C-alpha atoms as a PDB file:
ATOM      1  CA  MET A   1      18.822  -0.077  10.969  1.00  0.00           C
ATOM      2  CA  ALA A   2      15.368   0.419   9.403  1.00  0.00           C
ATOM      3  CA  GLN A   3      13.320  -2.684   8.734  1.00  0.00           C
ATOM      4  CA  GLN A   4      12.272  -3.247   5.109  1.00  0.00           C
ATOM      5  CA  PRO A   5       8.563  -3.735   4.307  1.00  0.00           C
ATOM      6  CA  PRO A   6       7.591  -7.345   3.514  1.00  0.00           C
ATOM      7  CA  GLU A   7       6.395  -6.401   0.017  1.00  0.00           C
ATOM      8  CA  ILE A   8       6.487  -3.285  -2.164  1.00  0.00           C
ATOM      9  CA  ILE A   9       3.632  -2.818  -4.638  1.00  0.00           C
ATOM     10  CA  ASP A  10       3.699  -0.172  -7.380  1.00  0.00           C
ATOM     11  CA  VAL A  11       0.265   1.352  -7.984  1.00  0.00           C
ATOM     12  CA  ASP A  12      -1.292   3.829 -10.439  1.00  0.00           C
ATOM     13  CA  THR A  13      -3.569   5.619  -7.973  1.00  0.00           C
ATOM     14  CA  PRO A  14      -2.940   7.227  -4.547  1.00  0.00           C
ATOM     15  CA  LYS A  15      -6.009   5.480  -3.090  1.00  0.00           C
ATOM     16  CA  VAL A  16      -5.567   1.725  -2.595  1.00  0.00           C
ATOM     17  CA  ALA A  17      -7.151  -1.189  -0.745  1.00  0.00           C
ATOM     18  CA  CYS A  18      -5.260  -3.971   1.033  1.00  0.00           C
ATOM     19  CA  ASP A  19      -6.553  -7.298   2.353  1.00  0.00           C
ATOM     20  CA  GLY A  20      -3.208  -8.985   2.979  1.00  0.00           C
ATOM     21  CA  GLY A  21      -3.404 -10.875  -0.295  1.00  0.00           C
ATOM     22  CA  LYS A  22      -3.700 -14.307   1.294  1.00  0.00           C
ATOM     23  CA  GLY A  23      -7.400 -15.017   0.768  1.00  0.00           C
ATOM     24  CA  PRO A  24      -8.991 -16.182   4.032  1.00  0.00           C
ATOM     25  CA  LEU A  25      -5.586 -15.952   5.748  1.00  0.00           C
ATOM     26  CA  GLY A  26      -5.261 -12.236   4.986  1.00  0.00           C
ATOM     27  CA  HIS A  27      -6.706  -9.423   7.079  1.00  0.00           C
ATOM     28  CA  PRO A  28      -9.810  -7.199   6.918  1.00  0.00           C
ATOM     29  CA  ARG A  29      -9.798  -4.996   3.810  1.00  0.00           C
ATOM     30  CA  VAL A  30      -8.573  -1.494   4.578  1.00  0.00           C
ATOM     31  CA  PHE A  31      -8.633   1.504   2.275  1.00  0.00           C
ATOM     32  CA  LEU A  32      -5.518   3.676   2.322  1.00  0.00           C
ATOM     33  CA  ASN A  33      -4.927   7.179   0.950  1.00  0.00           C
ATOM     34  CA  MET A  34      -1.363   8.386   0.353  1.00  0.00           C
ATOM     35  CA  GLU A  35      -2.493  12.027   0.746  1.00  0.00           C
ATOM     36  CA  GLY A  36       0.321  13.392  -1.435  1.00  0.00           C
ATOM     37  CA  LYS A  37       3.090  11.367   0.246  1.00  0.00           C
ATOM     38  CA  GLY A  38       3.730   9.045  -2.718  1.00  0.00           C
ATOM     39  CA  GLN A  39       3.675   5.914  -0.559  1.00  0.00           C
ATOM     40  CA  ILE A  40       1.846   4.313   2.336  1.00  0.00           C
ATOM     41  CA  ASP A  41       2.301   1.190   4.474  1.00  0.00           C
ATOM     42  CA  CYS A  42      -0.592  -1.079   5.416  1.00  0.00           C
ATOM     43  CA  PRO A  43      -1.078  -0.972   9.206  1.00  0.00           C
ATOM     44  CA  TYR A  44      -1.993  -4.692   9.286  1.00  0.00           C
ATOM     45  CA  CYS A  45       0.570  -6.484   7.116  1.00  0.00           C
ATOM     46  CA  GLY A  46       3.178  -3.803   6.413  1.00  0.00           C
ATOM     47  CA  ARG A  47       2.894  -3.967   2.615  1.00  0.00           C
ATOM     48  CA  ARG A  48       4.192  -0.739   1.101  1.00  0.00           C
ATOM     49  CA  PHE A  49       2.200   0.800  -1.729  1.00  0.00           C
ATOM     50  CA  VAL A  50       4.241   3.188  -3.887  1.00  0.00           C
ATOM     51  CA  LEU A  51       2.723   5.516  -6.473  1.00  0.00           C
ATOM     52  CA  LYS A  52       4.330   4.886  -9.876  1.00  0.00           C
ATOM     53  CA  GLN A  53       6.308   7.778 -11.260  1.00  0.00           C
ATOM     54  CA  GLY A  54       4.159   9.788 -13.654  1.00  0.00           C
ATOM     55  CA  ALA A  55       0.879   8.506 -12.154  1.00  0.00           C
ATOM     56  CA  ALA A  56      -1.703  11.242 -11.660  1.00  0.00           C
ATOM     57  CA  ALA A  57      -2.177  12.265  -8.049  1.00  0.00           C
ATOM     58  CA  GLU A  58      -5.795  13.013  -7.182  1.00  0.00           C
END
């Protein structure tokens, strides 16, 4: 059975940044590029960023 991501965040752009969202308890900021996949998971915290339907892919 596949494990669900801890949080799913809908975004308007395929390039996103993640810092864990917990201030000083988060993780180093990483920049992620979906590269046409429509979604990407943060390698540190597992948050899943999903491109909103109708958002312009770069």
